Amino acid sequence: MKRSFYSGALAALVLLAPASSVAQQREGGKGIDPSAVEVEETDNFYFSAKLSLVDRYYYRGFELYDQAALQPSAGLFYDLGEFGTLGASLWMHVPLGDDQGSGSIVDEQGNLIEFETSNKFVELDPTISYDVALGPVYLSVGHIWYTDPHRGDPQIRVNGVAFESGPSAPDTAEVYGGFAVDTVLNPQFMVYHDYREFESEYYTLGLSQRIDSESCEGVADWFGDDFNITPFVVAGFATNAERSYNKKSGLKHINTGFRFSVPWGKFMVTPAFTYSFGFDEKDANGNERTENNFYFSIDMGYDTGFSL
């Protein structure tokens, strides 16, 4: 995916369920999942922070930034007991490489136009959330704002000709809701509705299975009792996708891979390896909006709790 998709169909796969057994990694790592926060049960407030290093910013089947980046996030949550969890979190994208170099826009006729641009971008996304457990089912709803404090260069070049394109990443917003089930393969389903800029929907269907160190003979001796590995697969769908994906609604990509967590002092280090399969058809110009690609990330997280 090129730069223009960021402006509209970006959304977080945010599943904020209050039980670690159903915690799943959100694609792109946006937001903080309170179910993965390790604090004492007596704490009713808890704070979590994570610093992610990615080899590229790859999201929902699209490559938004093709070089290394830092993606820090932090969240503050209030435990309501049996009535659920209220939370607020903030996610950032900070590019580390050179200028992004290229992008794309969709004109009024629906044609995809490739272009060159001179600046990388910074992203800042706040989220508010509410999560509650109903037996083995975990429900999550929330709101996400997408903002770009550094919008990049509004001047683009097409076939060597420069012209003003307007903001490269207009702000947008989404509401989301979904559920996960605490059972074998921990199925989850989420839906996101962009109501501000693109009026489109994005859906995810995910499966994952956490394997703890006690299930693997000898592993705890090397990495400690808190070590775990989680294979996962996530399918992404879209509707009203004319301005985001390649016109048609339906299956857009499937991500599969694994992540593992290793304790390091007060921190938890989590490398993840993901391969994304794109399913968008080529448009009239032979361009694909989603592609097959591999990407890598490594997270360092810290949690703390307190009571008032």
C-alpha atoms as a PDB file:
ATOM      1  CA  MET A   1       0.000   0.000   0.000  1.00  0.00           C
ATOM      2  CA  LYS A   2       1.114   3.486  -0.729  1.00  0.00           C
ATOM      3  CA  ARG A   3       0.915   6.716   1.225  1.00  0.00           C
ATOM      4  CA  SER A   4      -2.618   7.776   0.343  1.00  0.00           C
ATOM      5  CA  PHE A   5      -4.300   4.768   1.986  1.00  0.00           C
ATOM      6  CA  TYR A   6      -3.042   6.036   5.333  1.00  0.00           C
ATOM      7  CA  SER A   7      -5.270   9.066   4.914  1.00  0.00           C
ATOM      8  CA  GLY A   8      -8.468   7.150   5.027  1.00  0.00           C
ATOM      9  CA  ALA A   9      -8.700   3.464   5.672  1.00  0.00           C
ATOM     10  CA  LEU A  10      -6.100   3.195   8.412  1.00  0.00           C
ATOM     11  CA  ALA A  11      -7.613   1.585  11.471  1.00  0.00           C
ATOM     12  CA  ALA A  12      -6.418  -0.335  14.478  1.00  0.00           C
ATOM     13  CA  LEU A  13      -7.221  -3.965  15.088  1.00  0.00           C
ATOM     14  CA  VAL A  14      -7.836  -3.174  18.735  1.00  0.00           C
ATOM     15  CA  LEU A  15      -9.121  -6.042  20.845  1.00  0.00           C
ATOM     16  CA  LEU A  16      -9.170  -4.878  24.469  1.00  0.00           C
ATOM     17  CA  ALA A  17     -10.389  -7.910  26.398  1.00  0.00           C
ATOM     18  CA  PRO A  18      -9.926  -8.291  30.174  1.00  0.00           C
ATOM     19  CA  ALA A  19      -8.314 -11.739  30.163  1.00  0.00           C
ATOM     20  CA  SER A  20      -4.790 -12.659  29.068  1.00  0.00           C
ATOM     21  CA  SER A  21      -5.926 -15.999  27.684  1.00  0.00           C
ATOM     22  CA  VAL A  22      -7.737 -14.265  24.836  1.00  0.00           C
ATOM     23  CA  ALA A  23      -5.271 -11.415  24.280  1.00  0.00           C
ATOM     24  CA  GLN A  24      -4.290 -11.196  20.644  1.00  0.00           C
ATOM     25  CA  GLN A  25      -1.712  -9.059  18.910  1.00  0.00           C
ATOM     26  CA  ARG A  26      -3.270  -6.218  16.958  1.00  0.00           C
ATOM     27  CA  GLU A  27      -1.980  -5.877  13.444  1.00  0.00           C
ATOM     28  CA  GLY A  28       0.394  -2.904  13.419  1.00  0.00           C
ATOM     29  CA  GLY A  29       0.512  -2.921  17.207  1.00  0.00           C
ATOM     30  CA  LYS A  30      -1.777   0.090  17.703  1.00  0.00           C
ATOM     31  CA  GLY A  31      -3.198   0.697  21.134  1.00  0.00           C
ATOM     32  CA  ILE A  32      -2.574  -1.071  24.435  1.00  0.00           C
ATOM     33  CA  ASP A  33      -4.432  -4.297  25.277  1.00  0.00           C
ATOM     34  CA  PRO A  34      -5.362  -4.276  29.001  1.00  0.00           C
ATOM     35  CA  SER A  35      -5.743  -8.061  28.968  1.00  0.00           C
ATOM     36  CA  ALA A  36      -1.988  -8.350  28.447  1.00  0.00           C
ATOM     37  CA  VAL A  37      -1.045  -5.970  31.282  1.00  0.00           C
ATOM     38  CA  GLU A  38       0.669  -7.755  34.189  1.00  0.00           C
ATOM     39  CA  VAL A  39      -0.334  -6.089  37.500  1.00  0.00           C
ATOM     40  CA  GLU A  40      -1.582  -7.147  40.926  1.00  0.00           C
ATOM     41  CA  GLU A  41      -5.273  -8.068  41.157  1.00  0.00           C
ATOM     42  CA  THR A  42      -5.706  -5.530  43.981  1.00  0.00           C
ATOM     43  CA  ASP A  43      -4.770  -2.612  41.695  1.00  0.00           C
ATOM     44  CA  ASN A  44      -7.729  -0.758  40.192  1.00  0.00           C
ATOM     45  CA  PHE A  45      -5.624   1.562  38.018  1.00  0.00           C
ATOM     46  CA  TYR A  46      -2.883   0.341  35.739  1.00  0.00           C
ATOM     47  CA  PHE A  47      -0.493   1.895  33.277  1.00  0.00           C
ATOM     48  CA  SER A  48       1.190   0.153  30.383  1.00  0.00           C
ATOM     49  CA  ALA A  49       3.841   1.380  27.945  1.00  0.00           C
ATOM     50  CA  LYS A  50       5.380  -0.274  24.901  1.00  0.00           C
ATOM     51  CA  LEU A  51       8.146   0.669  22.498  1.00  0.00           C
ATOM     52  CA  SER A  52       8.062  -1.138  19.154  1.00  0.00           C
ATOM     53  CA  LEU A  53      10.781  -1.226  16.512  1.00  0.00           C
ATOM     54  CA  VAL A  54       9.504  -2.307  13.073  1.00  0.00           C
ATOM     55  CA  ASP A  55      11.434  -2.935   9.877  1.00  0.00           C
ATOM     56  CA  ARG A  56       8.555  -1.328   7.932  1.00  0.00           C
ATOM     57  CA  TYR A  57       5.103   0.077   8.619  1.00  0.00           C
ATOM     58  CA  TYR A  58       2.858  -2.571   7.076  1.00  0.00           C
ATOM     59  CA  TYR A  59      -0.838  -2.489   7.846  1.00  0.00           C
ATOM     60  CA  ARG A  60      -4.015  -4.179   6.596  1.00  0.00           C
ATOM     61  CA  GLY A  61      -2.225  -5.548   3.582  1.00  0.00           C
ATOM     62  CA  PHE A  62      -0.574  -2.219   2.708  1.00  0.00           C
ATOM     63  CA  GLU A  63       2.966  -0.941   3.043  1.00  0.00           C
ATOM     64  CA  LEU A  64       2.583   2.559   4.506  1.00  0.00           C
ATOM     65  CA  TYR A  65       6.285   3.193   5.125  1.00  0.00           C
ATOM     66  CA  ASP A  66       9.012   1.005   3.636  1.00  0.00           C
ATOM     67  CA  GLN A  67      11.800   1.665   6.170  1.00  0.00           C
ATOM     68  CA  ALA A  68      12.463   1.208   9.877  1.00  0.00           C
ATOM     69  CA  ALA A  69      10.317   3.093  12.392  1.00  0.00           C
ATOM     70  CA  LEU A  70       9.657   3.425  16.107  1.00  0.00           C
ATOM     71  CA  GLN A  71       6.054   2.950  17.224  1.00  0.00           C
ATOM     72  CA  PRO A  72       5.645   3.797  20.929  1.00  0.00           C
ATOM     73  CA  SER A  73       2.322   3.445  22.736  1.00  0.00           C
ATOM     74  CA  ALA A  74       0.966   3.956  26.252  1.00  0.00           C
ATOM     75  CA  GLY A  75      -2.334   3.376  28.019  1.00  0.00           C
ATOM     76  CA  LEU A  76      -4.073   4.111  31.333  1.00  0.00           C
ATOM     77  CA  PHE A  77      -6.942   1.868  32.471  1.00  0.00           C
ATOM     78  CA  TYR A  78      -9.466   1.749  35.295  1.00  0.00           C
ATOM     79  CA  ASP A  79     -10.733  -1.639  36.466  1.00  0.00           C
ATOM     80  CA  LEU A  80     -14.477  -1.596  37.234  1.00  0.00           C
ATOM     81  CA  GLY A  81     -14.416  -5.184  38.464  1.00  0.00           C
ATOM     82  CA  GLU A  82     -17.287  -7.246  37.072  1.00  0.00           C
ATOM     83  CA  PHE A  83     -18.492  -4.174  35.168  1.00  0.00           C
ATOM     84  CA  GLY A  84     -15.459  -4.141  32.880  1.00  0.00           C
ATOM     85  CA  THR A  85     -12.527  -1.859  32.104  1.00  0.00           C
ATOM     86  CA  LEU A  86     -12.360   1.752  30.919  1.00  0.00           C
ATOM     87  CA  GLY A  87      -9.236   2.792  29.074  1.00  0.00           C
ATOM     88  CA  ALA A  88      -7.444   5.461  27.071  1.00  0.00           C
ATOM     89  CA  SER A  89      -4.300   4.884  25.020  1.00  0.00           C
ATOM     90  CA  LEU A  90      -2.052   6.691  22.568  1.00  0.00           C
ATOM     91  CA  TRP A  91      -0.107   5.189  19.635  1.00  0.00           C
ATOM     92  CA  MET A  92       2.583   6.867  17.500  1.00  0.00           C
ATOM     93  CA  HIS A  93       4.499   6.191  14.297  1.00  0.00           C
ATOM     94  CA  VAL A  94       7.943   7.847  14.132  1.00  0.00           C
ATOM     95  CA  PRO A  95       9.879   7.128  10.887  1.00  0.00           C
ATOM     96  CA  LEU A  96      13.610   6.434  11.152  1.00  0.00           C
ATOM     97  CA  GLY A  97      14.560   6.113   7.496  1.00  0.00           C
ATOM     98  CA  ASP A  98      14.977   8.540   4.629  1.00  0.00           C
ATOM     99  CA  ASP A  99      12.092  10.199   2.810  1.00  0.00           C
ATOM    100  CA  GLN A 100       9.288   7.823   1.943  1.00  0.00           C
ATOM    101  CA  GLY A 101       9.823   8.288  -1.760  1.00  0.00           C
ATOM    102  CA  SER A 102       6.488   7.271  -3.302  1.00  0.00           C
ATOM    103  CA  GLY A 103       2.767   7.103  -2.800  1.00  0.00           C
ATOM    104  CA  SER A 104      -0.572   6.943  -4.561  1.00  0.00           C
ATOM    105  CA  ILE A 105      -3.904   8.707  -4.843  1.00  0.00           C
ATOM    106  CA  VAL A 106      -7.263   7.698  -6.286  1.00  0.00           C
ATOM    107  CA  ASP A 107      -8.786  10.309  -8.600  1.00  0.00           C
ATOM    108  CA  GLU A 108     -12.506  11.086  -8.955  1.00  0.00           C
ATOM    109  CA  GLN A 109     -12.858   8.426 -11.659  1.00  0.00           C
ATOM    110  CA  GLY A 110     -11.426   5.762  -9.349  1.00  0.00           C
ATOM    111  CA  ASN A 111      -8.067   5.525 -11.132  1.00  0.00           C
ATOM    112  CA  LEU A 112      -4.978   4.832  -9.054  1.00  0.00           C
ATOM    113  CA  ILE A 113      -2.219   7.421  -9.672  1.00  0.00           C
ATOM    114  CA  GLU A 114       1.331   6.666  -8.499  1.00  0.00           C
ATOM    115  CA  PHE A 115       3.411   9.647  -7.382  1.00  0.00           C
ATOM    116  CA  GLU A 116       6.660  10.675  -5.715  1.00  0.00           C
ATOM    117  CA  THR A 117       6.706  12.701  -2.521  1.00  0.00           C
ATOM    118  CA  SER A 118       9.604  14.200  -0.628  1.00  0.00           C
ATOM    119  CA  ASN A 119       8.706  13.762   3.059  1.00  0.00           C
ATOM    120  CA  LYS A 120       7.999  10.986   5.523  1.00  0.00           C
ATOM    121  CA  PHE A 121       5.132  11.322   8.010  1.00  0.00           C
ATOM    122  CA  VAL A 122       4.412  11.121  11.737  1.00  0.00           C
ATOM    123  CA  GLU A 123       1.191   9.563  13.032  1.00  0.00           C
ATOM    124  CA  LEU A 124      -0.523  10.079  16.401  1.00  0.00           C
ATOM    125  CA  ASP A 125      -3.630   8.001  17.234  1.00  0.00           C
ATOM    126  CA  PRO A 126      -5.553   8.257  20.543  1.00  0.00           C
ATOM    127  CA  THR A 127      -8.121   5.595  21.504  1.00  0.00           C
ATOM    128  CA  ILE A 128     -10.804   5.355  24.195  1.00  0.00           C
ATOM    129  CA  SER A 129     -12.216   1.932  25.032  1.00  0.00           C
ATOM    130  CA  TYR A 130     -14.617  -0.071  27.155  1.00  0.00           C
ATOM    131  CA  ASP A 131     -14.283  -3.833  27.664  1.00  0.00           C
ATOM    132  CA  VAL A 132     -16.303  -6.329  29.652  1.00  0.00           C
ATOM    133  CA  ALA A 133     -16.380 -10.102  30.213  1.00  0.00           C
ATOM    134  CA  LEU A 134     -19.627 -12.052  29.950  1.00  0.00           C
ATOM    135  CA  GLY A 135     -18.607 -15.570  30.910  1.00  0.00           C
ATOM    136  CA  PRO A 136     -16.122 -16.824  28.276  1.00  0.00           C
ATOM    137  CA  VAL A 137     -17.077 -14.018  25.844  1.00  0.00           C
ATOM    138  CA  TYR A 138     -15.184 -10.714  25.940  1.00  0.00           C
ATOM    139  CA  LEU A 139     -16.776  -7.638  24.387  1.00  0.00           C
ATOM    140  CA  SER A 140     -14.919  -4.510  23.281  1.00  0.00           C
ATOM    141  CA  VAL A 141     -16.105  -1.147  21.943  1.00  0.00           C
ATOM    142  CA  GLY A 142     -14.261   2.096  21.400  1.00  0.00           C
ATOM    143  CA  HIS A 143     -13.352   5.111  19.315  1.00  0.00           C
ATOM    144  CA  ILE A 144     -10.113   5.841  17.462  1.00  0.00           C
ATOM    145  CA  TRP A 145      -8.887   9.200  16.135  1.00  0.00           C
ATOM    146  CA  TYR A 146      -6.242   9.222  13.380  1.00  0.00           C
ATOM    147  CA  THR A 147      -4.125  12.348  13.231  1.00  0.00           C
ATOM    148  CA  ASP A 148      -0.946  13.270  11.368  1.00  0.00           C
ATOM    149  CA  PRO A 149       0.869  16.206  13.040  1.00  0.00           C
ATOM    150  CA  HIS A 150       3.430  16.160  10.223  1.00  0.00           C
ATOM    151  CA  ARG A 151       1.479  15.712   7.011  1.00  0.00           C
ATOM    152  CA  GLY A 152       4.406  15.496   4.623  1.00  0.00           C
ATOM    153  CA  ASP A 153       4.999  17.605   1.536  1.00  0.00           C
ATOM    154  CA  PRO A 154       1.734  18.604  -0.216  1.00  0.00           C
ATOM    155  CA  GLN A 155       3.676  18.950  -3.466  1.00  0.00           C
ATOM    156  CA  ILE A 156       3.881  15.736  -5.475  1.00  0.00           C
ATOM    157  CA  ARG A 157       5.481  14.795  -8.761  1.00  0.00           C
ATOM    158  CA  VAL A 158       3.749  12.698 -11.413  1.00  0.00           C
ATOM    159  CA  ASN A 159       5.858  11.802 -14.443  1.00  0.00           C
ATOM    160  CA  GLY A 160       8.291  14.511 -13.370  1.00  0.00           C
ATOM    161  CA  VAL A 161       5.645  17.260 -13.204  1.00  0.00           C
ATOM    162  CA  ALA A 162       5.120  18.910  -9.783  1.00  0.00           C
ATOM    163  CA  PHE A 163       1.742  20.126  -8.516  1.00  0.00           C
ATOM    164  CA  GLU A 164      -0.045  20.750  -5.225  1.00  0.00           C
ATOM    165  CA  SER A 165      -1.968  17.725  -3.953  1.00  0.00           C
ATOM    166  CA  GLY A 166      -3.450  19.126  -0.751  1.00  0.00           C
ATOM    167  CA  PRO A 167      -2.975  17.380   2.637  1.00  0.00           C
ATOM    168  CA  SER A 168      -1.280  14.022   2.173  1.00  0.00           C
ATOM    169  CA  ALA A 169      -3.001  12.441   5.167  1.00  0.00           C
ATOM    170  CA  PRO A 170      -6.301  14.058   6.197  1.00  0.00           C
ATOM    171  CA  ASP A 171      -7.389  13.191   9.728  1.00  0.00           C
ATOM    172  CA  THR A 172     -10.163  10.654  10.190  1.00  0.00           C
ATOM    173  CA  ALA A 173     -11.930   8.679  12.942  1.00  0.00           C
ATOM    174  CA  GLU A 174     -13.501   5.270  13.557  1.00  0.00           C
ATOM    175  CA  VAL A 175     -15.802   3.529  15.979  1.00  0.00           C
ATOM    176  CA  TYR A 176     -15.273  -0.185  16.572  1.00  0.00           C
ATOM    177  CA  GLY A 177     -16.798  -3.151  18.330  1.00  0.00           C
ATOM    178  CA  GLY A 178     -16.252  -6.864  18.559  1.00  0.00           C
ATOM    179  CA  PHE A 179     -15.805  -9.947  20.681  1.00  0.00           C
ATOM    180  CA  ALA A 180     -13.385 -12.748  21.536  1.00  0.00           C
ATOM    181  CA  VAL A 181     -14.132 -16.167  23.021  1.00  0.00           C
ATOM    182  CA  ASP A 182     -11.911 -17.784  25.649  1.00  0.00           C
ATOM    183  CA  THR A 183     -11.712 -21.254  24.123  1.00  0.00           C
ATOM    184  CA  VAL A 184      -9.499 -23.292  21.812  1.00  0.00           C
ATOM    185  CA  LEU A 185      -7.861 -21.032  19.180  1.00  0.00           C
ATOM    186  CA  ASN A 186      -9.364 -17.952  20.884  1.00  0.00           C
ATOM    187  CA  PRO A 187     -11.512 -16.742  17.941  1.00  0.00           C
ATOM    188  CA  GLN A 188     -12.108 -13.012  17.676  1.00  0.00           C
ATOM    189  CA  PHE A 189     -14.215 -10.854  15.378  1.00  0.00           C
ATOM    190  CA  MET A 190     -13.988  -7.058  15.086  1.00  0.00           C
ATOM    191  CA  VAL A 191     -15.642  -4.428  12.920  1.00  0.00           C
ATOM    192  CA  TYR A 192     -14.456  -0.837  12.371  1.00  0.00           C
ATOM    193  CA  HIS A 193     -16.496   1.939  10.782  1.00  0.00           C
ATOM    194  CA  ASP A 194     -14.780   5.039   9.384  1.00  0.00           C
ATOM    195  CA  TYR A 195     -17.516   7.685   9.678  1.00  0.00           C
ATOM    196  CA  ARG A 196     -15.505  10.838   9.074  1.00  0.00           C
ATOM    197  CA  GLU A 197     -13.412  10.666   5.911  1.00  0.00           C
ATOM    198  CA  PHE A 198     -14.054   7.448   3.982  1.00  0.00           C
ATOM    199  CA  GLU A 199     -17.349   6.007   5.238  1.00  0.00           C
ATOM    200  CA  SER A 200     -16.068   2.458   4.908  1.00  0.00           C
ATOM    201  CA  GLU A 201     -15.977  -0.674   7.064  1.00  0.00           C
ATOM    202  CA  TYR A 202     -13.122  -3.012   7.909  1.00  0.00           C
ATOM    203  CA  TYR A 203     -13.579  -6.437   9.551  1.00  0.00           C
ATOM    204  CA  THR A 204     -11.149  -8.914  11.085  1.00  0.00           C
ATOM    205  CA  LEU A 205     -11.503 -12.584  11.909  1.00  0.00           C
ATOM    206  CA  GLY A 206      -8.587 -13.894  13.956  1.00  0.00           C
ATOM    207  CA  LEU A 207      -7.356 -17.126  15.550  1.00  0.00           C
ATOM    208  CA  SER A 208      -4.388 -17.606  17.873  1.00  0.00           C
ATOM    209  CA  GLN A 209      -3.115 -20.118  20.421  1.00  0.00           C
ATOM    210  CA  ARG A 210      -0.685 -19.180  23.189  1.00  0.00           C
ATOM    211  CA  ILE A 211       1.758 -21.950  24.197  1.00  0.00           C
ATOM    212  CA  ASP A 212       3.395 -21.421  27.588  1.00  0.00           C
ATOM    213  CA  SER A 213       6.877 -22.574  28.578  1.00  0.00           C
ATOM    214  CA  GLU A 214       5.607 -25.407  30.797  1.00  0.00           C
ATOM    215  CA  SER A 215       4.164 -27.006  27.645  1.00  0.00           C
ATOM    216  CA  CYS A 216       7.651 -27.237  26.095  1.00  0.00           C
ATOM    217  CA  GLU A 217      10.153 -29.381  27.942  1.00  0.00           C
ATOM    218  CA  GLY A 218      13.357 -27.526  28.805  1.00  0.00           C
ATOM    219  CA  VAL A 219      12.198 -24.141  27.489  1.00  0.00           C
ATOM    220  CA  ALA A 220      11.582 -22.661  30.952  1.00  0.00           C
ATOM    221  CA  ASP A 221      15.164 -23.520  31.931  1.00  0.00           C
ATOM    222  CA  TRP A 222      16.424 -21.279  29.127  1.00  0.00           C
ATOM    223  CA  PHE A 223      13.910 -18.413  29.043  1.00  0.00           C
ATOM    224  CA  GLY A 224      12.045 -18.537  32.365  1.00  0.00           C
ATOM    225  CA  ASP A 225       8.496 -19.454  33.370  1.00  0.00           C
ATOM    226  CA  ASP A 226       6.957 -16.403  31.675  1.00  0.00           C
ATOM    227  CA  PHE A 227       8.164 -17.352  28.196  1.00  0.00           C
ATOM    228  CA  ASN A 228       5.408 -18.103  25.676  1.00  0.00           C
ATOM    229  CA  ILE A 229       4.979 -18.440  21.919  1.00  0.00           C
ATOM    230  CA  THR A 230       1.790 -17.648  19.985  1.00  0.00           C
ATOM    231  CA  PRO A 231       1.063 -18.668  16.371  1.00  0.00           C
ATOM    232  CA  PHE A 232      -1.723 -16.558  14.825  1.00  0.00           C
ATOM    233  CA  VAL A 233      -3.733 -15.934  11.654  1.00  0.00           C
ATOM    234  CA  VAL A 234      -5.881 -12.868  10.887  1.00  0.00           C
ATOM    235  CA  ALA A 235      -8.139 -12.321   7.850  1.00  0.00           C
ATOM    236  CA  GLY A 236      -9.100  -8.765   6.857  1.00  0.00           C
ATOM    237  CA  PHE A 237     -12.275  -7.840   4.935  1.00  0.00           C
ATOM    238  CA  ALA A 238     -13.668  -4.496   3.741  1.00  0.00           C
ATOM    239  CA  THR A 239     -16.944  -3.040   2.472  1.00  0.00           C
ATOM    240  CA  ASN A 240     -17.560   0.314   0.756  1.00  0.00           C
ATOM    241  CA  ALA A 241     -13.897   0.027  -0.227  1.00  0.00           C
ATOM    242  CA  GLU A 242     -13.871   2.219  -3.350  1.00  0.00           C
ATOM    243  CA  ARG A 243     -11.593   4.878  -1.820  1.00  0.00           C
ATOM    244  CA  SER A 244      -9.375   2.598   0.207  1.00  0.00           C
ATOM    245  CA  TYR A 245      -8.824  -0.815  -1.355  1.00  0.00           C
ATOM    246  CA  ASN A 246      -9.070  -1.696  -5.010  1.00  0.00           C
ATOM    247  CA  LYS A 247     -12.750  -0.805  -5.474  1.00  0.00           C
ATOM    248  CA  LYS A 248     -14.283  -4.214  -4.716  1.00  0.00           C
ATOM    249  CA  SER A 249     -15.470  -5.269  -1.272  1.00  0.00           C
ATOM    250  CA  GLY A 250     -14.524  -8.629   0.228  1.00  0.00           C
ATOM    251  CA  LEU A 251     -11.421 -10.432   1.486  1.00  0.00           C
ATOM    252  CA  LYS A 252      -8.381  -8.137   1.289  1.00  0.00           C
ATOM    253  CA  HIS A 253      -5.531  -9.916   3.055  1.00  0.00           C
ATOM    254  CA  ILE A 254      -4.587 -12.756   5.390  1.00  0.00           C
ATOM    255  CA  ASN A 255      -1.772 -12.341   7.914  1.00  0.00           C
ATOM    256  CA  THR A 256      -0.092 -15.323   9.513  1.00  0.00           C
ATOM    257  CA  GLY A 257       2.955 -15.734  11.719  1.00  0.00           C
ATOM    258  CA  PHE A 258       4.049 -16.093  15.322  1.00  0.00           C
ATOM    259  CA  ARG A 259       5.310 -14.012  18.219  1.00  0.00           C
ATOM    260  CA  PHE A 260       7.058 -14.993  21.426  1.00  0.00           C
ATOM    261  CA  SER A 261       7.575 -13.198  24.727  1.00  0.00           C
ATOM    262  CA  VAL A 262      10.722 -13.309  26.854  1.00  0.00           C
ATOM    263  CA  PRO A 263      11.001 -11.553  30.268  1.00  0.00           C
ATOM    264  CA  TRP A 264      13.987  -9.222  30.683  1.00  0.00           C
ATOM    265  CA  GLY A 265      14.098  -7.720  34.161  1.00  0.00           C
ATOM    266  CA  LYS A 266      11.034  -5.503  34.574  1.00  0.00           C
ATOM    267  CA  PHE A 267      10.381  -5.569  30.841  1.00  0.00           C
ATOM    268  CA  MET A 268       8.743  -8.076  28.505  1.00  0.00           C
ATOM    269  CA  VAL A 269      10.409  -8.385  25.095  1.00  0.00           C
ATOM    270  CA  THR A 270       8.200  -9.671  22.245  1.00  0.00           C
ATOM    271  CA  PRO A 271       9.560 -10.285  18.740  1.00  0.00           C
ATOM    272  CA  ALA A 272       6.964 -11.029  16.023  1.00  0.00           C
ATOM    273  CA  PHE A 273       7.303 -12.422  12.495  1.00  0.00           C
ATOM    274  CA  THR A 274       4.394 -11.864  10.076  1.00  0.00           C
ATOM    275  CA  TYR A 275       3.692 -12.688   6.442  1.00  0.00           C
ATOM    276  CA  SER A 276       0.787 -10.937   4.725  1.00  0.00           C
ATOM    277  CA  PHE A 277      -0.997 -12.371   1.683  1.00  0.00           C
ATOM    278  CA  GLY A 278      -2.801  -9.730  -0.418  1.00  0.00           C
ATOM    279  CA  PHE A 279      -6.001 -10.574  -2.325  1.00  0.00           C
ATOM    280  CA  ASP A 280      -6.923  -7.376  -4.169  1.00  0.00           C
ATOM    281  CA  GLU A 281      -7.181  -7.728  -7.930  1.00  0.00           C
ATOM    282  CA  LYS A 282      -5.176  -5.484 -10.254  1.00  0.00           C
ATOM    283  CA  ASP A 283      -6.882  -2.349 -11.515  1.00  0.00           C
ATOM    284  CA  ALA A 284      -7.057  -1.168 -15.134  1.00  0.00           C
ATOM    285  CA  ASN A 285      -3.499   0.187 -14.870  1.00  0.00           C
ATOM    286  CA  GLY A 286      -2.098  -3.114 -13.568  1.00  0.00           C
ATOM    287  CA  ASN A 287      -1.570  -1.816 -10.023  1.00  0.00           C
ATOM    288  CA  GLU A 288      -2.212  -3.941  -6.942  1.00  0.00           C
ATOM    289  CA  ARG A 289      -3.506  -2.298  -3.763  1.00  0.00           C
ATOM    290  CA  THR A 290      -2.470  -5.173  -1.485  1.00  0.00           C
ATOM    291  CA  GLU A 291       0.693  -7.236  -1.834  1.00  0.00           C
ATOM    292  CA  ASN A 292       2.424 -10.292  -0.413  1.00  0.00           C
ATOM    293  CA  ASN A 293       5.075  -9.204   2.058  1.00  0.00           C
ATOM    294  CA  PHE A 294       7.030 -10.183   5.183  1.00  0.00           C
ATOM    295  CA  TYR A 295       7.643  -7.844   8.094  1.00  0.00           C
ATOM    296  CA  PHE A 296       9.255  -8.034  11.528  1.00  0.00           C
ATOM    297  CA  SER A 297       8.765  -6.172  14.812  1.00  0.00           C
ATOM    298  CA  ILE A 298      10.165  -6.300  18.318  1.00  0.00           C
ATOM    299  CA  ASP A 299       8.370  -4.809  21.333  1.00  0.00           C
ATOM    300  CA  MET A 300       9.631  -3.876  24.785  1.00  0.00           C
ATOM    301  CA  GLY A 301       6.783  -3.456  27.282  1.00  0.00           C
ATOM    302  CA  TYR A 302       6.509  -2.259  30.887  1.00  0.00           C
ATOM    303  CA  ASP A 303       3.443  -2.453  33.156  1.00  0.00           C
ATOM    304  CA  THR A 304       2.660  -1.027  36.569  1.00  0.00           C
ATOM    305  CA  GLY A 305      -0.462  -0.805  38.728  1.00  0.00           C
ATOM    306  CA  PHE A 306      -1.706   1.327  41.612  1.00  0.00           C
ATOM    307  CA  SER A 307      -4.832   1.941  43.679  1.00  0.00           C
ATOM    308  CA  LEU A 308      -6.630   5.136  44.687  1.00  0.00           C
END
